[in-house]
PDB file of N, CA and C in Angstrom:
ATOM      1  N   MET A   1      37.170-166.883  63.892  1.00  0.00           N
ATOM      2  CA  MET A   1      36.543-168.007  64.524  1.00  0.00           C
ATOM      3  C   MET A   1      35.968-168.919  63.461  1.00  0.00           C
ATOM      4  N   SER A   2      36.075-170.141  63.661  1.00  0.00           N
ATOM      5  CA  SER A   2      35.589-171.119  62.699  1.00  0.00           C
ATOM      6  C   SER A   2      34.072-171.234  62.777  1.00  0.00           C
ATOM      7  N   GLY A   3      33.444-171.498  61.657  1.00  0.00           N
ATOM      8  CA  GLY A   3      31.991-171.648  61.616  1.00  0.00           C
ATOM      9  C   GLY A   3      31.522-172.948  62.238  1.00  0.00           C
ATOM     10  N   ASP A   4      32.444-173.878  62.485  1.00  0.00           N
ATOM     11  CA  ASP A   4      32.076-175.167  63.054  1.00  0.00           C
ATOM     12  C   ASP A   4      31.882-175.115  64.568  1.00  0.00           C
ATOM     13  N   GLN A   5      32.499-174.137  65.219  1.00  0.00           N
ATOM     14  CA  GLN A   5      32.469-174.071  66.678  1.00  0.00           C
ATOM     15  C   GLN A   5      31.206-173.332  67.162  1.00  0.00           C
ATOM     16  N   PRO A   6      30.440-173.947  68.048  1.00  0.00           N
ATOM     17  CA  PRO A   6      29.281-173.227  68.609  1.00  0.00           C
ATOM     18  C   PRO A   6      29.752-172.189  69.630  1.00  0.00           C
ATOM     19  N   ARG A   7      29.097-171.066  69.646  1.00  0.00           N
ATOM     20  CA  ARG A   7      29.465-170.023  70.604  1.00  0.00           C
ATOM     21  C   ARG A   7      28.740-170.267  71.916  1.00  0.00           C
ATOM     22  N   ASN A   8      29.458-170.075  73.000  1.00  0.00           N
ATOM     23  CA  ASN A   8      28.885-170.237  74.330  1.00  0.00           C
ATOM     24  C   ASN A   8      28.624-168.829  74.886  1.00  0.00           C
ATOM     25  N   THR A   9      27.466-168.283  74.598  1.00  0.00           N
ATOM     26  CA  THR A   9      27.140-166.927  75.041  1.00  0.00           C
ATOM     27  C   THR A   9      26.051-166.913  76.105  1.00  0.00           C
ATOM     28  N   ALA A  10      25.718-168.057  76.650  1.00  0.00           N
ATOM     29  CA  ALA A  10      24.635-168.136  77.630  1.00  0.00           C
ATOM     30  C   ALA A  10      24.947-167.310  78.871  1.00  0.00           C
ATOM     31  N   ALA A  11      26.165-167.398  79.382  1.00  0.00           N
ATOM     32  CA  ALA A  11      26.521-166.643  80.590  1.00  0.00           C
ATOM     33  C   ALA A  11      26.496-165.144  80.311  1.00  0.00           C
ATOM     34  N   MET A  12      26.960-164.744  79.144  1.00  0.00           N
ATOM     35  CA  MET A  12      26.981-163.330  78.795  1.00  0.00           C
ATOM     36  C   MET A  12      25.556-162.790  78.656  1.00  0.00           C
ATOM     37  N   GLN A  13      24.668-163.553  78.067  1.00  0.00           N
ATOM     38  CA  GLN A  13      23.293-163.100  77.892  1.00  0.00           C
ATOM     39  C   GLN A  13      22.497-163.122  79.190  1.00  0.00           C
ATOM     40  N   ALA A  14      22.907-163.966  80.136  1.00  0.00           N
ATOM     41  CA  ALA A  14      22.193-164.070  81.402  1.00  0.00           C
ATOM     42  C   ALA A  14      22.665-163.050  82.429  1.00  0.00           C
ATOM     43  N   SER A  15      23.723-162.311  82.131  1.00  0.00           N
ATOM     44  CA  SER A  15      24.261-161.354  83.101  1.00  0.00           C
ATOM     45  C   SER A  15      23.280-160.207  83.304  1.00  0.00           C
ATOM     46  N   PRO A  16      23.278-159.591  84.487  1.00  0.00           N
ATOM     47  CA  PRO A  16      22.364-158.480  84.741  1.00  0.00           C
ATOM     48  C   PRO A  16      22.674-157.285  83.838  1.00  0.00           C
ATOM     49  N   ARG A  17      21.634-156.588  83.451  1.00  0.00           N
ATOM     50  CA  ARG A  17      21.774-155.454  82.532  1.00  0.00           C
ATOM     51  C   ARG A  17      21.825-154.135  83.286  1.00  0.00           C
ATOM     52  N   CYS A  18      22.355-153.142  82.636  1.00  0.00           N
ATOM     53  CA  CYS A  18      22.441-151.793  83.184  1.00  0.00           C
ATOM     54  C   CYS A  18      21.034-151.248  83.401  1.00  0.00           C
ATOM     55  N   GLY A  19      20.823-150.520  84.473  1.00  0.00           N
ATOM     56  CA  GLY A  19      19.508-149.977  84.785  1.00  0.00           C
ATOM     57  C   GLY A  19      19.281-148.580  84.239  1.00  0.00           C
ATOM     58  N   ALA A  20      20.223-148.039  83.468  1.00  0.00           N
ATOM     59  CA  ALA A  20      20.101-146.672  82.953  1.00  0.00           C
ATOM     60  C   ALA A  20      19.156-146.614  81.767  1.00  0.00           C
ATOM     61  N   ARG A  21      18.686-145.416  81.477  1.00  0.00           N
ATOM     62  CA  ARG A  21      17.833-145.170  80.322  1.00  0.00           C
ATOM     63  C   ARG A  21      18.622-144.389  79.283  1.00  0.00           C
ATOM     64  N   THR A  22      18.397-144.692  78.020  1.00  0.00           N
ATOM     65  CA  THR A  22      19.073-143.984  76.942  1.00  0.00           C
ATOM     66  C   THR A  22      18.298-142.716  76.599  1.00  0.00           C
ATOM     67  N   HIS A  23      18.839-141.896  75.699  1.00  0.00           N
ATOM     68  CA  HIS A  23      18.167-140.662  75.297  1.00  0.00           C
ATOM     69  C   HIS A  23      16.813-140.949  74.653  1.00  0.00           C
ATOM     70  N   SER A  24      16.687-142.081  74.001  1.00  0.00           N
ATOM     71  CA  SER A  24      15.417-142.417  73.351  1.00  0.00           C
ATOM     72  C   SER A  24      14.404-142.996  74.333  1.00  0.00           C
ATOM     73  N   GLY A  25      14.794-143.227  75.576  1.00  0.00           N
ATOM     74  CA  GLY A  25      13.876-143.722  76.589  1.00  0.00           C
ATOM     75  C   GLY A  25      13.903-145.219  76.781  1.00  0.00           C
ATOM     76  N   THR A  26      14.661-145.927  75.961  1.00  0.00           N
ATOM     77  CA  THR A  26      14.750-147.375  76.121  1.00  0.00           C
ATOM     78  C   THR A  26      15.818-147.720  77.147  1.00  0.00           C
ATOM     79  N   ALA A  27      15.786-148.941  77.628  1.00  0.00           N
ATOM     80  CA  ALA A  27      16.764-149.374  78.615  1.00  0.00           C
ATOM     81  C   ALA A  27      18.111-149.635  77.952  1.00  0.00           C
ATOM     82  N   CYS A  28      19.177-149.353  78.688  1.00  0.00           N
ATOM     83  CA  CYS A  28      20.525-149.654  78.189  1.00  0.00           C
ATOM     84  C   CYS A  28      20.692-151.168  78.185  1.00  0.00           C
ATOM     85  N   LEU A  29      21.201-151.716  77.105  1.00  0.00           N
ATOM     86  CA  LEU A  29      21.332-153.169  76.975  1.00  0.00           C
ATOM     87  C   LEU A  29      22.716-153.691  77.342  1.00  0.00           C
ATOM     88  N   ALA A  30      23.618-152.802  77.759  1.00  0.00           N
ATOM     89  CA  ALA A  30      24.970-153.223  78.124  1.00  0.00           C
ATOM     90  C   ALA A  30      24.937-153.971  79.458  1.00  0.00           C
ATOM     91  N   PRO A  31      25.842-154.927  79.643  1.00  0.00           N
ATOM     92  CA  PRO A  31      25.876-155.640  80.924  1.00  0.00           C
ATOM     93  C   PRO A  31      26.400-154.747  82.035  1.00  0.00           C
ATOM     94  N   ALA A  32      25.830-154.897  83.230  1.00  0.00           N
ATOM     95  CA  ALA A  32      26.260-154.116  84.380  1.00  0.00           C
ATOM     96  C   ALA A  32      27.630-154.589  84.839  1.00  0.00           C
ATOM     97  N   VAL A  33      28.394-153.677  85.411  1.00  0.00           N
ATOM     98  CA  VAL A  33      29.705-154.020  85.972  1.00  0.00           C
ATOM     99  C   VAL A  33      29.471-154.932  87.174  1.00  0.00           C
ATOM    100  N   HIS A  34      30.340-155.882  87.386  1.00  0.00           N
ATOM    101  CA  HIS A  34      30.207-156.857  88.464  1.00  0.00           C
ATOM    102  C   HIS A  34      30.035-156.147  89.809  1.00  0.00           C
ATOM    103  N   GLY A  35      28.937-156.438  90.491  1.00  0.00           N
ATOM    104  CA  GLY A  35      28.671-155.868  91.798  1.00  0.00           C
ATOM    105  C   GLY A  35      27.986-154.509  91.757  1.00  0.00           C
ATOM    106  N   LYS A  36      27.660-154.002  90.586  1.00  0.00           N
ATOM    107  CA  LYS A  36      27.023-152.694  90.470  1.00  0.00           C
ATOM    108  C   LYS A  36      25.768-152.809  89.610  1.00  0.00           C
ATOM    109  N   THR A  37      24.985-151.724  89.567  1.00  0.00           N
ATOM    110  CA  THR A  37      23.739-151.760  88.804  1.00  0.00           C
ATOM    111  C   THR A  37      23.845-151.022  87.474  1.00  0.00           C
ATOM    112  N   ARG A  38      25.013-150.434  87.189  1.00  0.00           N
ATOM    113  CA  ARG A  38      25.201-149.681  85.953  1.00  0.00           C
ATOM    114  C   ARG A  38      26.376-150.259  85.165  1.00  0.00           C
ATOM    115  N   CYS A  39      26.336-150.000  83.845  1.00  0.00           N
ATOM    116  CA  CYS A  39      27.424-150.469  82.993  1.00  0.00           C
ATOM    117  C   CYS A  39      28.610-149.508  83.086  1.00  0.00           C
ATOM    118  N   ARG A  40      29.677-149.806  82.403  1.00  0.00           N
ATOM    119  CA  ARG A  40      30.881-148.975  82.462  1.00  0.00           C
ATOM    120  C   ARG A  40      30.661-147.607  81.836  1.00  0.00           C
ATOM    121  N   MET A  41      29.670-147.490  80.967  1.00  0.00           N
ATOM    122  CA  MET A  41      29.416-146.210  80.303  1.00  0.00           C
ATOM    123  C   MET A  41      28.457-145.321  81.093  1.00  0.00           C
ATOM    124  N   HIS A  42      27.744-145.895  82.055  1.00  0.00           N
ATOM    125  CA  HIS A  42      26.749-145.131  82.792  1.00  0.00           C
ATOM    126  C   HIS A  42      27.079-144.989  84.267  1.00  0.00           C
ATOM    127  N   GLY A  43      28.330-144.943  84.629  1.00  0.00           N
ATOM    128  CA  GLY A  43      28.668-144.587  85.994  1.00  0.00           C
ATOM    129  C   GLY A  43      29.426-145.580  86.818  1.00  0.00           C
ATOM    130  N   SER A  44      29.862-146.672  86.275  1.00  0.00           N
ATOM    131  CA  SER A  44      30.603-147.619  87.095  1.00  0.00           C
ATOM    132  C   SER A  44      32.097-147.579  86.835  1.00  0.00           C
ATOM    133  N   ALA A  45      32.547-146.666  85.999  1.00  0.00           N
ATOM    134  CA  ALA A  45      33.981-146.562  85.749  1.00  0.00           C
ATOM    135  C   ALA A  45      34.666-145.965  86.972  1.00  0.00           C
ATOM    136  N   ALA A  46      35.863-146.408  87.237  1.00  0.00           N
ATOM    137  CA  ALA A  46      36.612-145.879  88.369  1.00  0.00           C
ATOM    138  C   ALA A  46      36.905-144.402  88.148  1.00  0.00           C
ATOM    139  N   ARG A  47      36.787-143.627  89.211  1.00  0.00           N
ATOM    140  CA  ARG A  47      37.068-142.192  89.204  1.00  0.00           C
ATOM    141  C   ARG A  47      36.207-141.425  88.194  1.00  0.00           C
ATOM    142  N   SER A  48      34.972-141.877  87.992  1.00  0.00           N
ATOM    143  CA  SER A  48      34.089-141.169  87.072  1.00  0.00           C
ATOM    144  C   SER A  48      33.242-140.169  87.850  1.00  0.00           C
ATOM    145  N   GLY A  49      32.658-139.235  87.151  1.00  0.00           N
ATOM    146  CA  GLY A  49      31.803-138.234  87.763  1.00  0.00           C
ATOM    147  C   GLY A  49      32.479-136.879  87.840  1.00  0.00           C
ATOM    148  N   ALA A  50      31.822-135.955  88.479  1.00  0.00           N
ATOM    149  CA  ALA A  50      32.327-134.587  88.591  1.00  0.00           C
ATOM    150  C   ALA A  50      33.531-134.540  89.524  1.00  0.00           C
ATOM    151  N   PRO A  51      34.426-133.586  89.317  1.00  0.00           N
ATOM    152  CA  PRO A  51      35.591-133.488  90.199  1.00  0.00           C
ATOM    153  C   PRO A  51      35.183-133.061  91.600  1.00  0.00           C
ATOM    154  N   ARG A  52      36.017-133.379  92.571  1.00  0.00           N
ATOM    155  CA  ARG A  52      35.741-132.991  93.952  1.00  0.00           C
ATOM    156  C   ARG A  52      35.781-131.479  94.072  1.00  0.00           C
ATOM    157  N   GLY A  53      34.942-130.969  94.941  1.00  0.00           N
ATOM    158  CA  GLY A  53      34.900-129.528  95.124  1.00  0.00           C
ATOM    159  C   GLY A  53      34.020-128.835  94.103  1.00  0.00           C
ATOM    160  N   ASN A  54      33.377-129.582  93.230  1.00  0.00           N
ATOM    161  CA  ASN A  54      32.457-129.070  92.225  1.00  0.00           C
ATOM    162  C   ASN A  54      33.075-127.922  91.424  1.00  0.00           C
ATOM    163  N   GLN A  55      34.188-128.183  90.801  1.00  0.00           N
ATOM    164  CA  GLN A  55      34.868-127.181  89.990  1.00  0.00           C
ATOM    165  C   GLN A  55      34.034-126.755  88.790  1.00  0.00           C
ATOM    166  N   ASN A  56      33.077-127.580  88.389  1.00  0.00           N
ATOM    167  CA  ASN A  56      32.251-127.255  87.235  1.00  0.00           C
ATOM    168  C   ASN A  56      31.262-126.135  87.516  1.00  0.00           C
ATOM    169  N   ALA A  57      31.026-125.806  88.770  1.00  0.00           N
ATOM    170  CA  ALA A  57      30.018-124.815  89.119  1.00  0.00           C
ATOM    171  C   ALA A  57      30.628-123.457  89.443  1.00  0.00           C
ATOM    172  N   ARG A  58      31.882-123.234  89.126  1.00  0.00           N
ATOM    173  CA  ARG A  58      32.496-121.936  89.415  1.00  0.00           C
ATOM    174  C   ARG A  58      31.830-120.842  88.605  1.00  0.00           C
ATOM    175  N   LYS A  59      31.708-119.683  89.195  1.00  0.00           N
ATOM    176  CA  LYS A  59      31.085-118.549  88.522  1.00  0.00           C
ATOM    177  C   LYS A  59      32.158-117.774  87.770  1.00  0.00           C
ATOM    178  N   HIS A  60      31.805-117.243  86.622  1.00  0.00           N
ATOM    179  CA  HIS A  60      32.776-116.522  85.806  1.00  0.00           C
ATOM    180  C   HIS A  60      32.506-115.038  85.766  1.00  0.00           C
ATOM    181  N   GLY A  61      31.367-114.564  86.248  1.00  0.00           N
ATOM    182  CA  GLY A  61      31.081-113.141  86.318  1.00  0.00           C
ATOM    183  C   GLY A  61      30.606-112.516  85.022  1.00  0.00           C
ATOM    184  N   LEU A  62      30.336-113.308  83.998  1.00  0.00           N
ATOM    185  CA  LEU A  62      29.925-112.757  82.714  1.00  0.00           C
ATOM    186  C   LEU A  62      28.545-112.118  82.783  1.00  0.00           C
ATOM    187  N   PHE A  63      27.692-112.592  83.679  1.00  0.00           N
ATOM    188  CA  PHE A  63      26.326-112.104  83.730  1.00  0.00           C
ATOM    189  C   PHE A  63      26.026-111.313  84.999  1.00  0.00           C
ATOM    190  N   THR A  64      27.034-110.736  85.632  1.00  0.00           N
ATOM    191  CA  THR A  64      26.789-109.879  86.789  1.00  0.00           C
ATOM    192  C   THR A  64      26.191-108.573  86.306  1.00  0.00           C
ATOM    193  N   GLN A  65      25.529-107.864  87.199  1.00  0.00           N
ATOM    194  CA  GLN A  65      24.860-106.616  86.841  1.00  0.00           C
ATOM    195  C   GLN A  65      25.844-105.587  86.286  1.00  0.00           C
ATOM    196  N   ASP A  66      27.043-105.533  86.860  1.00  0.00           N
ATOM    197  CA  ASP A  66      28.044-104.580  86.372  1.00  0.00           C
ATOM    198  C   ASP A  66      28.444-104.879  84.935  1.00  0.00           C
ATOM    199  N   ARG A  67      28.659-106.149  84.633  1.00  0.00           N
ATOM    200  CA  ARG A  67      29.075-106.514  83.278  1.00  0.00           C
ATOM    201  C   ARG A  67      27.955-106.274  82.269  1.00  0.00           C
ATOM    202  N   ILE A  68      26.712-106.527  82.663  1.00  0.00           N
ATOM    203  CA  ILE A  68      25.574-106.285  81.776  1.00  0.00           C
ATOM    204  C   ILE A  68      25.462-104.797  81.480  1.00  0.00           C
ATOM    205  N   ALA A  69      25.587-103.967  82.512  1.00  0.00           N
ATOM    206  CA  ALA A  69      25.512-102.516  82.321  1.00  0.00           C
ATOM    207  C   ALA A  69      26.667-102.022  81.447  1.00  0.00           C
ATOM    208  N   GLU A  70      27.840-102.611  81.626  1.00  0.00           N
ATOM    209  CA  GLU A  70      29.005-102.225  80.819  1.00  0.00           C
ATOM    210  C   GLU A  70      28.783-102.557  79.342  1.00  0.00           C
ATOM    211  N   ARG A  71      28.230-103.738  79.066  1.00  0.00           N
ATOM    212  CA  ARG A  71      27.963-104.108  77.672  1.00  0.00           C
ATOM    213  C   ARG A  71      26.890-103.223  77.048  1.00  0.00           C
ATOM    214  N   ARG A  72      25.870-102.859  77.811  1.00  0.00           N
ATOM    215  CA  ARG A  72      24.841-101.955  77.295  1.00  0.00           C
ATOM    216  C   ARG A  72      25.428-100.591  76.958  1.00  0.00           C
ATOM    217  N   ALA A  73      26.294-100.093  77.821  1.00  0.00           N
ATOM    218  CA  ALA A  73      26.928 -98.793  77.571  1.00  0.00           C
ATOM    219  C   ALA A  73      27.801 -98.850  76.317  1.00  0.00           C
ATOM    220  N   MET A  74      28.520 -99.959  76.135  1.00  0.00           N
ATOM    221  CA  MET A  74      29.365-100.102  74.944  1.00  0.00           C
ATOM    222  C   MET A  74      28.520-100.154  73.675  1.00  0.00           C
ATOM    223  N   ARG A  75      27.392-100.862  73.728  1.00  0.00           N
ATOM    224  CA  ARG A  75      26.508-100.926  72.559  1.00  0.00           C
ATOM    225  C   ARG A  75      25.934 -99.551  72.224  1.00  0.00           C
ATOM    226  N   ALA A  76      25.556 -98.800  73.263  1.00  0.00           N
ATOM    227  CA  ALA A  76      25.027 -97.448  73.028  1.00  0.00           C
ATOM    228  C   ALA A  76      26.104 -96.553  72.414  1.00  0.00           C
ATOM    229  N   LEU A  77      27.322 -96.640  72.911  1.00  0.00           N
ATOM    230  CA  LEU A  77      28.428 -95.845  72.381  1.00  0.00           C
ATOM    231  C   LEU A  77      28.715 -96.218  70.927  1.00  0.00           C
ATOM    232  N   LEU A  78      28.692 -97.497  70.616  1.00  0.00           N
ATOM    233  CA  LEU A  78      28.917 -97.933  69.234  1.00  0.00           C
ATOM    234  C   LEU A  78      27.798 -97.461  68.314  1.00  0.00           C
ATOM    235  N   GLY A  79      26.559 -97.482  68.811  1.00  0.00           N
ATOM    236  CA  GLY A  79      25.437 -96.994  68.016  1.00  0.00           C
ATOM    237  C   GLY A  79      25.568 -95.509  67.704  1.00  0.00           C
ATOM    238  N   GLU A  80      25.975 -94.728  68.718  1.00  0.00           N
ATOM    239  CA  GLU A  80      26.186 -93.295  68.499  1.00  0.00           C
ATOM    240  C   GLU A  80      27.323 -93.055  67.512  1.00  0.00           C
ATOM    241  N   THR A  81      28.375 -93.852  67.605  1.00  0.00           N
ATOM    242  CA  THR A  81      29.516 -93.712  66.699  1.00  0.00           C
ATOM    243  C   THR A  81      29.103 -94.021  65.267  1.00  0.00           C
ATOM    244  N   ARG A  82      28.289 -95.042  65.076  1.00  0.00           N
ATOM    245  CA  ARG A  82      27.814 -95.378  63.729  1.00  0.00           C
ATOM    246  C   ARG A  82      26.964 -94.251  63.134  1.00  0.00           C
ATOM    247  N   LYS A  83      26.083 -93.675  63.969  1.00  0.00           N
ATOM    248  CA  LYS A  83      25.253 -92.560  63.513  1.00  0.00           C
ATOM    249  C   LYS A  83      26.125 -91.366  63.074  1.00  0.00           C
ATOM    250  N   LEU A  84      27.130 -91.069  63.883  1.00  0.00           N
ATOM    251  CA  LEU A  84      28.027 -89.952  63.592  1.00  0.00           C
ATOM    252  C   LEU A  84      28.787 -90.202  62.290  1.00  0.00           C
ATOM    253  N   LEU A  85      29.250 -91.435  62.086  1.00  0.00           N
ATOM    254  CA  LEU A  85      29.983 -91.758  60.854  1.00  0.00           C
ATOM    255  C   LEU A  85      29.072 -91.695  59.634  1.00  0.00           C
ATOM    256  N   GLN A  86      27.796 -92.080  59.775  1.00  0.00           N
ATOM    257  CA  GLN A  86      26.864 -91.984  58.659  1.00  0.00           C
ATOM    258  C   GLN A  86      26.563 -90.525  58.316  1.00  0.00           C
ATOM    259  N   GLU A  87      26.472 -89.681  59.333  1.00  0.00           N
ATOM    260  CA  GLU A  87      26.222 -88.257  59.091  1.00  0.00           C
ATOM    261  C   GLU A  87      27.407 -87.592  58.383  1.00  0.00           C
ATOM    262  N   LEU A  88      28.630 -88.009  58.757  1.00  0.00           N
ATOM    263  CA  LEU A  88      29.839 -87.426  58.167  1.00  0.00           C
ATOM    264  C   LEU A  88      30.085 -87.963  56.757  1.00  0.00           C
ATOM    265  N   GLY A  89      29.685 -89.169  56.491  1.00  0.00           N
ATOM    266  CA  GLY A  89      30.015 -89.822  55.234  1.00  0.00           C
ATOM    267  C   GLY A  89      28.950 -89.723  54.262  1.00  0.00           C
TER     268      GLY A  89
END
């Protein structure tokens, strides 16, 4: 862009701003998407958000009582094995 041409940024600066807060607590300075209150990075993108059916909340069973007891038993068995190997060696 040439240095002689004035920039017309009045409309861009007058546009409504995103209403989200950043991690530091300040307001997001990005312009809101037309007809919405948030910018494209804070929720106005098409098809944004969690998947339908809440696939992110599926349980994996790693912390069930059976699995916890199984891991404790394995640790105890490994501890006994280490003691036995130290006694033999």
